[in-house]
Structure formats: structure tokens, C-alpha cells
């Protein structure tokens, strides 16, 4: 669960920038529609060793591959959610950062403590 919130926190700026109409300094130019999906597909596996380090430390490679695939799915799914929020709320989407960070910290701390016992 903390992996999903970490992906959400990292894909939120990507969704915001992808919806910015003058991203390149010239009005009317924007990112191609596939670029944010590539970024989100990469964000999940990059965050996986950081967030799911306990699960990866005790597993073998055969278990790590599904974890990284699931992390990539979380990355794309979190971008879809972020994009929907940004399209509806514009700059007001910033109010979701604080609660998402709190939930991320709580779930990652609970996950770390459950493995230590």
C-alpha cells in the first residue's frame, strides 16, 4: 500500500506538468500523450527497492520479479488517478499531497515494524 502512495506522490507532478499548456515556453505545445505513461512506468520500479526493501531483502529473484511488475502497474495506475485529479482540480490538487504523504509514512512504518517482530 505504501508503494501505491509513493507512486502517487511522484506521478502527481508528472500529471500536473503534462496538463500545462505552455510547458515548452510556447503556447499550444505540450507533451505527447505517451510520455507521462513512460515516466509513470519507470517511477514504480525505481521506487520499489526503496519502499519494499524489506520484502525484497527476504525473497529470492523469482519473487522479486513479480514485485517489480506490480510496482510498474502501481506507477501507471497512480498516474491515471493523478491525471484525473489534476484535470478536475487544477492547482487545488495540492491538498492531496499532505494526506497522501501521511498515509505513505504510516503504512511504510507499519510495514517496517511488522517485519521486525
PDB file of N, CA and C in Angstrom:
ATOM      1  N   UNK A   1       0.825  -1.188   0.000  1.00  0.00           N
ATOM      2  CA  UNK A   1       0.000   0.000   0.000  1.00  0.00           C
ATOM      3  C   UNK A   1       0.870   1.252   0.000  1.00  0.00           C
ATOM      4  N   UNK A   2       1.972   1.221   0.737  1.00  0.00           N
ATOM      5  CA  UNK A   2       2.838   2.395   0.747  1.00  0.00           C
ATOM      6  C   UNK A   2       3.474   2.612  -0.623  1.00  0.00           C
ATOM      7  N   UNK A   3       3.673   1.544  -1.401  1.00  0.00           N
ATOM      8  CA  UNK A   3       4.195   1.680  -2.762  1.00  0.00           C
ATOM      9  C   UNK A   3       3.230   2.487  -3.627  1.00  0.00           C
ATOM     10  N   UNK A   4       1.947   2.238  -3.476  1.00  0.00           N
ATOM     11  CA  UNK A   4       0.953   2.965  -4.269  1.00  0.00           C
ATOM     12  C   UNK A   4       0.945   4.451  -3.912  1.00  0.00           C
ATOM     13  N   UNK A   5       1.051   4.779  -2.638  1.00  0.00           N
ATOM     14  CA  UNK A   5       1.059   6.188  -2.250  1.00  0.00           C
ATOM     15  C   UNK A   5       2.365   6.871  -2.651  1.00  0.00           C
ATOM     16  N   UNK A   6       3.476   6.155  -2.604  1.00  0.00           N
ATOM     17  CA  UNK A   6       4.740   6.731  -3.074  1.00  0.00           C
ATOM     18  C   UNK A   6       4.680   7.021  -4.569  1.00  0.00           C
ATOM     19  N   UNK A   7       4.093   6.108  -5.321  1.00  0.00           N
ATOM     20  CA  UNK A   7       3.927   6.333  -6.761  1.00  0.00           C
ATOM     21  C   UNK A   7       3.001   7.516  -7.022  1.00  0.00           C
ATOM     22  N   UNK A   8       1.936   7.623  -6.239  1.00  0.00           N
ATOM     23  CA  UNK A   8       1.010   8.751  -6.399  1.00  0.00           C
ATOM     24  C   UNK A   8       1.733  10.070  -6.155  1.00  0.00           C
ATOM     25  N   UNK A   9       2.548  10.125  -5.109  1.00  0.00           N
ATOM     26  CA  UNK A   9       3.273  11.360  -4.792  1.00  0.00           C
ATOM     27  C   UNK A   9       4.271  11.725  -5.888  1.00  0.00           C
ATOM     28  N   UNK A  10       4.839  10.740  -6.555  1.00  0.00           N
ATOM     29  CA  UNK A  10       5.810  11.024  -7.616  1.00  0.00           C
ATOM     30  C   UNK A  10       5.167  11.274  -8.976  1.00  0.00           C
ATOM     31  N   UNK A  11       3.996  10.719  -9.221  1.00  0.00           N
ATOM     32  CA  UNK A  11       3.351  10.937 -10.515  1.00  0.00           C
ATOM     33  C   UNK A  11       2.458  12.171 -10.530  1.00  0.00           C
ATOM     34  N   UNK A  12       2.156  12.712  -9.385  1.00  0.00           N
ATOM     35  CA  UNK A  12       1.331  13.920  -9.338  1.00  0.00           C
ATOM     36  C   UNK A  12       1.984  15.092 -10.074  1.00  0.00           C
ATOM     37  N   UNK A  13       3.279  15.359  -9.869  1.00  0.00           N
ATOM     38  CA  UNK A  13       3.891  16.434 -10.663  1.00  0.00           C
ATOM     39  C   UNK A  13       3.928  16.129 -12.161  1.00  0.00           C
ATOM     40  N   UNK A  14       4.096  14.859 -12.523  1.00  0.00           N
ATOM     41  CA  UNK A  14       4.102  14.487 -13.939  1.00  0.00           C
ATOM     42  C   UNK A  14       2.743  14.795 -14.555  1.00  0.00           C
ATOM     43  N   UNK A  15       1.670  14.453 -13.850  1.00  0.00           N
ATOM     44  CA  UNK A  15       0.324  14.741 -14.362  1.00  0.00           C
ATOM     45  C   UNK A  15       0.086  16.247 -14.455  1.00  0.00           C
ATOM     46  N   UNK A  16       0.578  16.990 -13.478  1.00  0.00           N
ATOM     47  CA  UNK A  16       0.402  18.441 -13.499  1.00  0.00           C
ATOM     48  C   UNK A  16       1.169  19.059 -14.670  1.00  0.00           C
ATOM     49  N   UNK A  17       2.412  18.624 -14.875  1.00  0.00           N
ATOM     50  CA  UNK A  17       3.207  19.159 -15.984  1.00  0.00           C
ATOM     51  C   UNK A  17       2.659  18.743 -17.340  1.00  0.00           C
ATOM     52  N   UNK A  18       2.117  17.538 -17.428  1.00  0.00           N
ATOM     53  CA  UNK A  18       1.562  17.071 -18.698  1.00  0.00           C
ATOM     54  C   UNK A  18       0.335  17.879 -19.105  1.00  0.00           C
ATOM     55  N   UNK A  19      -0.362  18.446 -18.135  1.00  0.00           N
ATOM     56  CA  UNK A  19      -1.546  19.250 -18.429  1.00  0.00           C
ATOM     57  C   UNK A  19      -1.240  20.738 -18.558  1.00  0.00           C
ATOM     58  N   UNK A  20       0.021  21.120 -18.393  1.00  0.00           N
ATOM     59  CA  UNK A  20       0.391  22.524 -18.543  1.00  0.00           C
ATOM     60  C   UNK A  20       0.433  22.873 -20.029  1.00  0.00           C
ATOM     61  N   UNK A  21      -0.335  23.860 -20.466  1.00  0.00           N
ATOM     62  CA  UNK A  21      -0.422  24.142 -21.904  1.00  0.00           C
ATOM     63  C   UNK A  21       0.851  24.762 -22.484  1.00  0.00           C
ATOM     64  N   UNK A  22       1.577  25.545 -21.718  1.00  0.00           N
ATOM     65  CA  UNK A  22       2.776  26.184 -22.251  1.00  0.00           C
ATOM     66  C   UNK A  22       4.034  25.649 -21.578  1.00  0.00           C
ATOM     67  N   UNK A  23       4.156  24.339 -21.552  1.00  0.00           N
ATOM     68  CA  UNK A  23       5.270  23.669 -20.874  1.00  0.00           C
ATOM     69  C   UNK A  23       6.609  23.999 -21.515  1.00  0.00           C
ATOM     70  N   UNK A  24       6.627  24.123 -22.820  1.00  0.00           N
ATOM     71  CA  UNK A  24       7.870  24.360 -23.536  1.00  0.00           C
ATOM     72  C   UNK A  24       8.147  25.841 -23.765  1.00  0.00           C
ATOM     73  N   UNK A  25       7.389  26.715 -23.127  1.00  0.00           N
ATOM     74  CA  UNK A  25       7.598  28.143 -23.287  1.00  0.00           C
ATOM     75  C   UNK A  25       6.868  28.745 -24.466  1.00  0.00           C
ATOM     76  N   UNK A  26       6.242  27.906 -25.271  1.00  0.00           N
ATOM     77  CA  UNK A  26       5.484  28.394 -26.417  1.00  0.00           C
ATOM     78  C   UNK A  26       4.049  27.925 -26.276  1.00  0.00           C
ATOM     79  N   UNK A  27       3.099  28.836 -26.396  1.00  0.00           N
ATOM     80  CA  UNK A  27       1.698  28.429 -26.254  1.00  0.00           C
ATOM     81  C   UNK A  27       1.308  27.384 -27.297  1.00  0.00           C
ATOM     82  N   UNK A  28       0.511  26.448 -26.852  1.00  0.00           N
ATOM     83  CA  UNK A  28      -0.009  25.434 -27.762  1.00  0.00           C
ATOM     84  C   UNK A  28       0.824  24.172 -27.848  1.00  0.00           C
ATOM     85  N   UNK A  29       2.042  24.194 -27.316  1.00  0.00           N
ATOM     86  CA  UNK A  29       2.858  22.988 -27.337  1.00  0.00           C
ATOM     87  C   UNK A  29       2.733  22.269 -26.002  1.00  0.00           C
ATOM     88  N   UNK A  30       2.679  20.975 -26.049  1.00  0.00           N
ATOM     89  CA  UNK A  30       2.618  20.180 -24.829  1.00  0.00           C
ATOM     90  C   UNK A  30       3.313  18.842 -25.085  1.00  0.00           C
ATOM     91  N   UNK A  31       3.371  18.036 -24.058  1.00  0.00           N
ATOM     92  CA  UNK A  31       3.986  16.720 -24.193  1.00  0.00           C
ATOM     93  C   UNK A  31       3.147  15.839 -25.100  1.00  0.00           C
ATOM     94  N   UNK A  32       3.769  14.894 -25.806  1.00  0.00           N
ATOM     95  CA  UNK A  32       2.981  13.850 -26.464  1.00  0.00           C
ATOM     96  C   UNK A  32       2.251  13.030 -25.396  1.00  0.00           C
ATOM     97  N   UNK A  33       1.140  12.459 -25.734  1.00  0.00           N
ATOM     98  CA  UNK A  33       0.304  11.777 -24.737  1.00  0.00           C
ATOM     99  C   UNK A  33       0.966  10.547 -24.129  1.00  0.00           C
ATOM    100  N   UNK A  34       1.931   9.953 -24.795  1.00  0.00           N
ATOM    101  CA  UNK A  34       2.548   8.732 -24.290  1.00  0.00           C
ATOM    102  C   UNK A  34       3.685   8.991 -23.309  1.00  0.00           C
ATOM    103  N   UNK A  35       4.258  10.184 -23.283  1.00  0.00           N
ATOM    104  CA  UNK A  35       5.414  10.482 -22.419  1.00  0.00           C
ATOM    105  C   UNK A  35       5.092  10.319 -20.930  1.00  0.00           C
ATOM    106  N   UNK A  36       3.982  10.847 -20.412  1.00  0.00           N
ATOM    107  CA  UNK A  36       3.706  10.651 -18.980  1.00  0.00           C
ATOM    108  C   UNK A  36       3.553   9.178 -18.593  1.00  0.00           C
ATOM    109  N   UNK A  37       3.043   8.362 -19.505  1.00  0.00           N
ATOM    110  CA  UNK A  37       2.899   6.939 -19.200  1.00  0.00           C
ATOM    111  C   UNK A  37       4.267   6.255 -19.109  1.00  0.00           C
ATOM    112  N   UNK A  38       5.205   6.684 -19.936  1.00  0.00           N
ATOM    113  CA  UNK A  38       6.560   6.131 -19.852  1.00  0.00           C
ATOM    114  C   UNK A  38       7.195   6.520 -18.520  1.00  0.00           C
ATOM    115  N   UNK A  39       7.046   7.800 -18.143  1.00  0.00           N
ATOM    116  CA  UNK A  39       7.575   8.243 -16.850  1.00  0.00           C
ATOM    117  C   UNK A  39       6.959   7.449 -15.703  1.00  0.00           C
ATOM    118  N   UNK A  40       5.642   7.277 -15.739  1.00  0.00           N
ATOM    119  CA  UNK A  40       4.981   6.562 -14.641  1.00  0.00           C
ATOM    120  C   UNK A  40       5.349   5.083 -14.633  1.00  0.00           C
ATOM    121  N   UNK A  41       5.582   4.523 -15.803  1.00  0.00           N
ATOM    122  CA  UNK A  41       6.008   3.124 -15.873  1.00  0.00           C
ATOM    123  C   UNK A  41       7.392   2.946 -15.258  1.00  0.00           C
ATOM    124  N   UNK A  42       8.233   3.964 -15.351  1.00  0.00           N
ATOM    125  CA  UNK A  42       9.572   3.904 -14.769  1.00  0.00           C
ATOM    126  C   UNK A  42       9.585   4.250 -13.284  1.00  0.00           C
ATOM    127  N   UNK A  43       8.678   5.099 -12.852  1.00  0.00           N
ATOM    128  CA  UNK A  43       8.652   5.542 -11.456  1.00  0.00           C
ATOM    129  C   UNK A  43       8.404   4.380 -10.500  1.00  0.00           C
ATOM    130  N   UNK A  44       7.477   3.495 -10.835  1.00  0.00           N
ATOM    131  CA  UNK A  44       7.144   2.367  -9.959  1.00  0.00           C
ATOM    132  C   UNK A  44       8.332   1.476  -9.641  1.00  0.00           C
ATOM    133  N   UNK A  45       9.029   0.939 -10.656  1.00  0.00           N
ATOM    134  CA  UNK A  45      10.185   0.094 -10.353  1.00  0.00           C
ATOM    135  C   UNK A  45      11.348   0.842  -9.699  1.00  0.00           C
ATOM    136  N   UNK A  46      11.475   2.141  -9.945  1.00  0.00           N
ATOM    137  CA  UNK A  46      12.531   2.901  -9.278  1.00  0.00           C
ATOM    138  C   UNK A  46      12.237   3.011  -7.788  1.00  0.00           C
ATOM    139  N   UNK A  47      10.976   3.195  -7.430  1.00  0.00           N
ATOM    140  CA  UNK A  47      10.607   3.325  -6.024  1.00  0.00           C
ATOM    141  C   UNK A  47      10.518   1.983  -5.301  1.00  0.00           C
ATOM    142  N   UNK A  48      10.360   0.900  -6.027  1.00  0.00           N
ATOM    143  CA  UNK A  48      10.157  -0.415  -5.402  1.00  0.00           C
ATOM    144  C   UNK A  48      11.264  -0.807  -4.429  1.00  0.00           C
ATOM    145  N   UNK A  49      12.545  -0.682  -4.778  1.00  0.00           N
ATOM    146  CA  UNK A  49      13.571  -1.067  -3.794  1.00  0.00           C
ATOM    147  C   UNK A  49      13.586  -0.172  -2.557  1.00  0.00           C
ATOM    148  N   UNK A  50      13.153   1.076  -2.717  1.00  0.00           N
ATOM    149  CA  UNK A  50      13.132   1.982  -1.577  1.00  0.00           C
ATOM    150  C   UNK A  50      11.980   1.680  -0.638  1.00  0.00           C
ATOM    151  N   UNK A  51      10.810   1.452  -1.205  1.00  0.00           N
ATOM    152  CA  UNK A  51       9.609   1.260  -0.392  1.00  0.00           C
ATOM    153  C   UNK A  51       9.466  -0.183   0.069  1.00  0.00           C
ATOM    154  N   UNK A  52       9.739  -1.128  -0.806  1.00  0.00           N
ATOM    155  CA  UNK A  52       9.528  -2.539  -0.478  1.00  0.00           C
ATOM    156  C   UNK A  52      10.850  -3.248  -0.191  1.00  0.00           C
ATOM    157  N   UNK A  53      11.783  -2.536   0.437  1.00  0.00           N
ATOM    158  CA  UNK A  53      13.100  -3.109   0.686  1.00  0.00           C
ATOM    159  C   UNK A  53      13.046  -4.319   1.605  1.00  0.00           C
ATOM    160  N   UNK A  54      12.142  -4.311   2.562  1.00  0.00           N
ATOM    161  CA  UNK A  54      12.040  -5.456   3.488  1.00  0.00           C
ATOM    162  C   UNK A  54      11.566  -6.708   2.751  1.00  0.00           C
ATOM    163  N   UNK A  55      10.577  -6.530   1.879  1.00  0.00           N
ATOM    164  CA  UNK A  55      10.068  -7.685   1.137  1.00  0.00           C
ATOM    165  C   UNK A  55      11.106  -8.198   0.152  1.00  0.00           C
ATOM    166  N   UNK A  56      11.864  -7.289  -0.448  1.00  0.00           N
ATOM    167  CA  UNK A  56      12.877  -7.711  -1.411  1.00  0.00           C
ATOM    168  C   UNK A  56      14.093  -8.325  -0.732  1.00  0.00           C
ATOM    169  N   UNK A  57      14.365  -7.946   0.500  1.00  0.00           N
ATOM    170  CA  UNK A  57      15.544  -8.460   1.201  1.00  0.00           C
ATOM    171  C   UNK A  57      15.392  -9.926   1.581  1.00  0.00           C
ATOM    172  N   UNK A  58      14.178 -10.379   1.824  1.00  0.00           N
ATOM    173  CA  UNK A  58      13.991 -11.758   2.284  1.00  0.00           C
ATOM    174  C   UNK A  58      13.530 -12.693   1.173  1.00  0.00           C
ATOM    175  N   UNK A  59      13.363 -12.186   0.005  1.00  0.00           N
ATOM    176  CA  UNK A  59      12.878 -13.001  -1.114  1.00  0.00           C
ATOM    177  C   UNK A  59      14.014 -13.327  -2.080  1.00  0.00           C
ATOM    178  N   UNK A  60      13.753 -14.291  -2.895  1.00  0.00           N
ATOM    179  CA  UNK A  60      14.698 -14.641  -3.949  1.00  0.00           C
ATOM    180  C   UNK A  60      14.297 -13.903  -5.233  1.00  0.00           C
ATOM    181  N   UNK A  61      15.095 -14.038  -6.251  1.00  0.00           N
ATOM    182  CA  UNK A  61      14.851 -13.338  -7.514  1.00  0.00           C
ATOM    183  C   UNK A  61      13.507 -13.720  -8.117  1.00  0.00           C
ATOM    184  N   UNK A  62      13.091 -14.957  -7.946  1.00  0.00           N
ATOM    185  CA  UNK A  62      11.804 -15.379  -8.507  1.00  0.00           C
ATOM    186  C   UNK A  62      10.637 -14.625  -7.882  1.00  0.00           C
ATOM    187  N   UNK A  63      10.787 -14.174  -6.654  1.00  0.00           N
ATOM    188  CA  UNK A  63       9.740 -13.375  -6.020  1.00  0.00           C
ATOM    189  C   UNK A  63       9.909 -11.888  -6.290  1.00  0.00           C
ATOM    190  N   UNK A  64      11.109 -11.466  -6.618  1.00  0.00           N
ATOM    191  CA  UNK A  64      11.360 -10.038  -6.858  1.00  0.00           C
ATOM    192  C   UNK A  64      10.777  -9.583  -8.190  1.00  0.00           C
ATOM    193  N   UNK A  65      10.774 -10.444  -9.183  1.00  0.00           N
ATOM    194  CA  UNK A  65      10.256 -10.054 -10.499  1.00  0.00           C
ATOM    195  C   UNK A  65       8.774  -9.671 -10.419  1.00  0.00           C
ATOM    196  N   UNK A  66       7.908 -10.475  -9.781  1.00  0.00           N
ATOM    197  CA  UNK A  66       6.512 -10.031  -9.667  1.00  0.00           C
ATOM    198  C   UNK A  66       6.352  -8.747  -8.855  1.00  0.00           C
ATOM    199  N   UNK A  67       7.226  -8.526  -7.882  1.00  0.00           N
ATOM    200  CA  UNK A  67       7.144  -7.291  -7.101  1.00  0.00           C
ATOM    201  C   UNK A  67       7.441  -6.085  -7.988  1.00  0.00           C
ATOM    202  N   UNK A  68       8.430  -6.186  -8.865  1.00  0.00           N
ATOM    203  CA  UNK A  68       8.754  -5.081  -9.759  1.00  0.00           C
ATOM    204  C   UNK A  68       7.669  -4.887 -10.829  1.00  0.00           C
ATOM    205  N   UNK A  69       7.069  -5.965 -11.287  1.00  0.00           N
ATOM    206  CA  UNK A  69       5.965  -5.838 -12.242  1.00  0.00           C
ATOM    207  C   UNK A  69       4.773  -5.160 -11.566  1.00  0.00           C
ATOM    208  N   UNK A  70       4.468  -5.563 -10.340  1.00  0.00           N
ATOM    209  CA  UNK A  70       3.388  -4.920  -9.592  1.00  0.00           C
ATOM    210  C   UNK A  70       3.699  -3.451  -9.346  1.00  0.00           C
ATOM    211  N   UNK A  71       4.965  -3.132  -9.089  1.00  0.00           N
ATOM    212  CA  UNK A  71       5.359  -1.732  -8.888  1.00  0.00           C
ATOM    213  C   UNK A  71       5.149  -0.920 -10.157  1.00  0.00           C
ATOM    214  N   UNK A  72       5.430  -1.496 -11.324  1.00  0.00           N
ATOM    215  CA  UNK A  72       5.187  -0.792 -12.586  1.00  0.00           C
ATOM    216  C   UNK A  72       3.701  -0.552 -12.799  1.00  0.00           C
ATOM    217  N   UNK A  73       2.880  -1.525 -12.435  1.00  0.00           N
ATOM    218  CA  UNK A  73       1.427  -1.361 -12.535  1.00  0.00           C
ATOM    219  C   UNK A  73       0.949  -0.262 -11.601  1.00  0.00           C
ATOM    220  N   UNK A  74       1.493  -0.239 -10.376  1.00  0.00           N
ATOM    221  CA  UNK A  74       1.152   0.837  -9.435  1.00  0.00           C
ATOM    222  C   UNK A  74       1.529   2.201  -9.988  1.00  0.00           C
ATOM    223  N   UNK A  75       2.664   2.285 -10.671  1.00  0.00           N
ATOM    224  CA  UNK A  75       3.103   3.552 -11.242  1.00  0.00           C
ATOM    225  C   UNK A  75       2.128   4.076 -12.278  1.00  0.00           C
ATOM    226  N   UNK A  76       1.708   3.214 -13.192  1.00  0.00           N
ATOM    227  CA  UNK A  76       0.768   3.634 -14.237  1.00  0.00           C
ATOM    228  C   UNK A  76      -0.603   3.936 -13.639  1.00  0.00           C
ATOM    229  N   UNK A  77      -1.058   3.096 -12.717  1.00  0.00           N
ATOM    230  CA  UNK A  77      -2.368   3.333 -12.091  1.00  0.00           C
ATOM    231  C   UNK A  77      -2.369   4.636 -11.298  1.00  0.00           C
ATOM    232  N   UNK A  78      -1.279   4.930 -10.620  1.00  0.00           N
ATOM    233  CA  UNK A  78      -1.228   6.181  -9.860  1.00  0.00           C
ATOM    234  C   UNK A  78      -1.186   7.386 -10.786  1.00  0.00           C
ATOM    235  N   UNK A  79      -0.577   7.244 -11.969  1.00  0.00           N
ATOM    236  CA  UNK A  79      -0.617   8.355 -12.924  1.00  0.00           C
ATOM    237  C   UNK A  79      -2.037   8.593 -13.416  1.00  0.00           C
ATOM    238  N   UNK A  80      -2.768   7.533 -13.674  1.00  0.00           N
ATOM    239  CA  UNK A  80      -4.157   7.686 -14.133  1.00  0.00           C
ATOM    240  C   UNK A  80      -4.985   8.416 -13.079  1.00  0.00           C
ATOM    241  N   UNK A  81      -4.814   8.048 -11.809  1.00  0.00           N
ATOM    242  CA  UNK A  81      -5.526   8.728 -10.724  1.00  0.00           C
ATOM    243  C   UNK A  81      -5.066  10.177 -10.614  1.00  0.00           C
ATOM    244  N   UNK A  82      -3.762  10.404 -10.685  1.00  0.00           N
ATOM    245  CA  UNK A  82      -3.225  11.770 -10.608  1.00  0.00           C
ATOM    246  C   UNK A  82      -3.732  12.627 -11.755  1.00  0.00           C
ATOM    247  N   UNK A  83      -3.768  12.063 -12.950  1.00  0.00           N
ATOM    248  CA  UNK A  83      -4.242  12.811 -14.113  1.00  0.00           C
ATOM    249  C   UNK A  83      -5.713  13.177 -13.972  1.00  0.00           C
ATOM    250  N   UNK A  84      -6.507  12.250 -13.444  1.00  0.00           N
ATOM    251  CA  UNK A  84      -7.926  12.553 -13.232  1.00  0.00           C
ATOM    252  C   UNK A  84      -8.111  13.658 -12.200  1.00  0.00           C
ATOM    253  N   UNK A  85      -7.324  13.613 -11.131  1.00  0.00           N
ATOM    254  CA  UNK A  85      -7.416  14.658 -10.105  1.00  0.00           C
ATOM    255  C   UNK A  85      -6.965  16.012 -10.638  1.00  0.00           C
ATOM    256  N   UNK A  86      -5.874  16.028 -11.384  1.00  0.00           N
ATOM    257  CA  UNK A  86      -5.372  17.289 -11.930  1.00  0.00           C
ATOM    258  C   UNK A  86      -6.350  17.868 -12.941  1.00  0.00           C
ATOM    259  N   UNK A  87      -6.978  17.014 -13.747  1.00  0.00           N
ATOM    260  CA  UNK A  87      -7.925  17.528 -14.738  1.00  0.00           C
ATOM    261  C   UNK A  87      -9.159  18.139 -14.081  1.00  0.00           C
ATOM    262  N   UNK A  88      -9.537  17.635 -12.918  1.00  0.00           N
ATOM    263  CA  UNK A  88     -10.717  18.165 -12.232  1.00  0.00           C
ATOM    264  C   UNK A  88     -10.401  19.330 -11.314  1.00  0.00           C
ATOM    265  N   UNK A  89      -9.261  19.276 -10.622  1.00  0.00           N
ATOM    266  CA  UNK A  89      -8.986  20.244  -9.561  1.00  0.00           C
ATOM    267  C   UNK A  89      -7.948  21.302  -9.904  1.00  0.00           C
ATOM    268  N   UNK A  90      -7.198  21.131 -11.002  1.00  0.00           N
ATOM    269  CA  UNK A  90      -6.132  22.064 -11.399  1.00  0.00           C
ATOM    270  C   UNK A  90      -5.127  22.269 -10.258  1.00  0.00           C
ATOM    271  N   UNK A  91      -4.871  23.513  -9.832  1.00  0.00           N
ATOM    272  CA  UNK A  91      -3.882  23.765  -8.789  1.00  0.00           C
ATOM    273  C   UNK A  91      -4.345  23.326  -7.404  1.00  0.00           C
ATOM    274  N   UNK A  92      -5.631  23.150  -7.206  1.00  0.00           N
ATOM    275  CA  UNK A  92      -6.146  22.740  -5.896  1.00  0.00           C
ATOM    276  C   UNK A  92      -5.782  21.293  -5.560  1.00  0.00           C
ATOM    277  N   UNK A  93      -5.173  20.579  -6.506  1.00  0.00           N
ATOM    278  CA  UNK A  93      -4.793  19.188  -6.267  1.00  0.00           C
ATOM    279  C   UNK A  93      -3.703  19.097  -5.199  1.00  0.00           C
ATOM    280  N   UNK A  94      -3.066  20.200  -4.892  1.00  0.00           N
ATOM    281  CA  UNK A  94      -2.007  20.216  -3.877  1.00  0.00           C
ATOM    282  C   UNK A  94      -2.515  19.779  -2.507  1.00  0.00           C
ATOM    283  N   UNK A  95      -3.823  19.900  -2.268  1.00  0.00           N
ATOM    284  CA  UNK A  95      -4.363  19.495  -0.967  1.00  0.00           C
ATOM    285  C   UNK A  95      -4.255  17.991  -0.749  1.00  0.00           C
ATOM    286  N   UNK A  96      -4.045  17.204  -1.799  1.00  0.00           N
ATOM    287  CA  UNK A  96      -3.927  15.756  -1.658  1.00  0.00           C
ATOM    288  C   UNK A  96      -2.513  15.319  -1.286  1.00  0.00           C
ATOM    289  N   UNK A  97      -1.538  16.205  -1.407  1.00  0.00           N
ATOM    290  CA  UNK A  97      -0.150  15.827  -1.136  1.00  0.00           C
ATOM    291  C   UNK A  97       0.063  15.522   0.346  1.00  0.00           C
ATOM    292  N   UNK A  98      -0.443  16.372   1.215  1.00  0.00           N
ATOM    293  CA  UNK A  98      -0.265  16.171   2.657  1.00  0.00           C
ATOM    294  C   UNK A  98      -0.882  14.873   3.157  1.00  0.00           C
ATOM    295  N   UNK A  99      -2.182  14.630   2.886  1.00  0.00           N
ATOM    296  CA  UNK A  99      -2.766  13.360   3.338  1.00  0.00           C
ATOM    297  C   UNK A  99      -2.107  12.127   2.707  1.00  0.00           C
ATOM    298  N   UNK A 100      -1.723  12.225   1.438  1.00  0.00           N
ATOM    299  CA  UNK A 100      -1.053  11.083   0.794  1.00  0.00           C
ATOM    300  C   UNK A 100       0.299  10.812   1.443  1.00  0.00           C
ATOM    301  N   UNK A 101       1.015  11.872   1.795  1.00  0.00           N
ATOM    302  CA  UNK A 101       2.310  11.698   2.465  1.00  0.00           C
ATOM    303  C   UNK A 101       2.127  11.100   3.853  1.00  0.00           C
ATOM    304  N   UNK A 102       1.112  11.536   4.575  1.00  0.00           N
ATOM    305  CA  UNK A 102       0.837  10.984   5.899  1.00  0.00           C
ATOM    306  C   UNK A 102       0.498   9.499   5.818  1.00  0.00           C
ATOM    307  N   UNK A 103      -0.346   9.116   4.882  1.00  0.00           N
ATOM    308  CA  UNK A 103      -0.707   7.711   4.718  1.00  0.00           C
ATOM    309  C   UNK A 103       0.517   6.898   4.289  1.00  0.00           C
ATOM    310  N   UNK A 104       1.335   7.469   3.402  1.00  0.00           N
ATOM    311  CA  UNK A 104       2.563   6.787   2.991  1.00  0.00           C
ATOM    312  C   UNK A 104       3.475   6.523   4.183  1.00  0.00           C
ATOM    313  N   UNK A 105       3.678   7.536   5.015  1.00  0.00           N
ATOM    314  CA  UNK A 105       4.547   7.358   6.182  1.00  0.00           C
ATOM    315  C   UNK A 105       3.975   6.357   7.175  1.00  0.00           C
ATOM    316  N   UNK A 106       2.673   6.405   7.405  1.00  0.00           N
ATOM    317  CA  UNK A 106       2.046   5.464   8.332  1.00  0.00           C
ATOM    318  C   UNK A 106       2.141   4.024   7.838  1.00  0.00           C
ATOM    319  N   UNK A 107       1.822   3.805   6.560  1.00  0.00           N
ATOM    320  CA  UNK A 107       1.837   2.437   6.037  1.00  0.00           C
ATOM    321  C   UNK A 107       3.253   1.896   5.926  1.00  0.00           C
ATOM    322  N   UNK A 108       4.212   2.738   5.556  1.00  0.00           N
ATOM    323  CA  UNK A 108       5.589   2.238   5.476  1.00  0.00           C
ATOM    324  C   UNK A 108       6.157   1.947   6.864  1.00  0.00           C
ATOM    325  N   UNK A 109       5.801   2.755   7.850  1.00  0.00           N
ATOM    326  CA  UNK A 109       6.254   2.492   9.223  1.00  0.00           C
ATOM    327  C   UNK A 109       5.622   1.221   9.767  1.00  0.00           C
ATOM    328  N   UNK A 110       4.337   1.033   9.527  1.00  0.00           N
ATOM    329  CA  UNK A 110       3.679  -0.195   9.975  1.00  0.00           C
ATOM    330  C   UNK A 110       4.273  -1.424   9.294  1.00  0.00           C
ATOM    331  N   UNK A 111       4.583  -1.293   8.010  1.00  0.00           N
ATOM    332  CA  UNK A 111       5.201  -2.402   7.296  1.00  0.00           C
ATOM    333  C   UNK A 111       6.575  -2.747   7.833  1.00  0.00           C
ATOM    334  N   UNK A 112       7.365  -1.734   8.161  1.00  0.00           N
ATOM    335  CA  UNK A 112       8.693  -1.975   8.721  1.00  0.00           C
ATOM    336  C   UNK A 112       8.606  -2.617  10.101  1.00  0.00           C
ATOM    337  N   UNK A 113       7.680  -2.151  10.905  1.00  0.00           N
ATOM    338  CA  UNK A 113       7.547  -2.709  12.251  1.00  0.00           C
ATOM    339  C   UNK A 113       7.004  -4.132  12.247  1.00  0.00           C
ATOM    340  N   UNK A 114       6.152  -4.447  11.279  1.00  0.00           N
ATOM    341  CA  UNK A 114       5.594  -5.809  11.252  1.00  0.00           C
ATOM    342  C   UNK A 114       6.660  -6.828  10.856  1.00  0.00           C
ATOM    343  N   UNK A 115       7.631  -6.413  10.074  1.00  0.00           N
ATOM    344  CA  UNK A 115       8.698  -7.331   9.670  1.00  0.00           C
ATOM    345  C   UNK A 115       9.715  -7.506  10.779  1.00  0.00           C
ATOM    346  N   UNK A 116       9.939  -6.474  11.576  1.00  0.00           N
ATOM    347  CA  UNK A 116      10.946  -6.545  12.635  1.00  0.00           C
ATOM    348  C   UNK A 116      10.552  -7.510  13.752  1.00  0.00           C
ATOM    349  N   UNK A 117       9.275  -7.705  14.006  1.00  0.00           N
ATOM    350  CA  UNK A 117       8.845  -8.553  15.123  1.00  0.00           C
ATOM    351  C   UNK A 117       8.921  -9.996  14.814  1.00  0.00           C
TER     352      UNK A 117
END
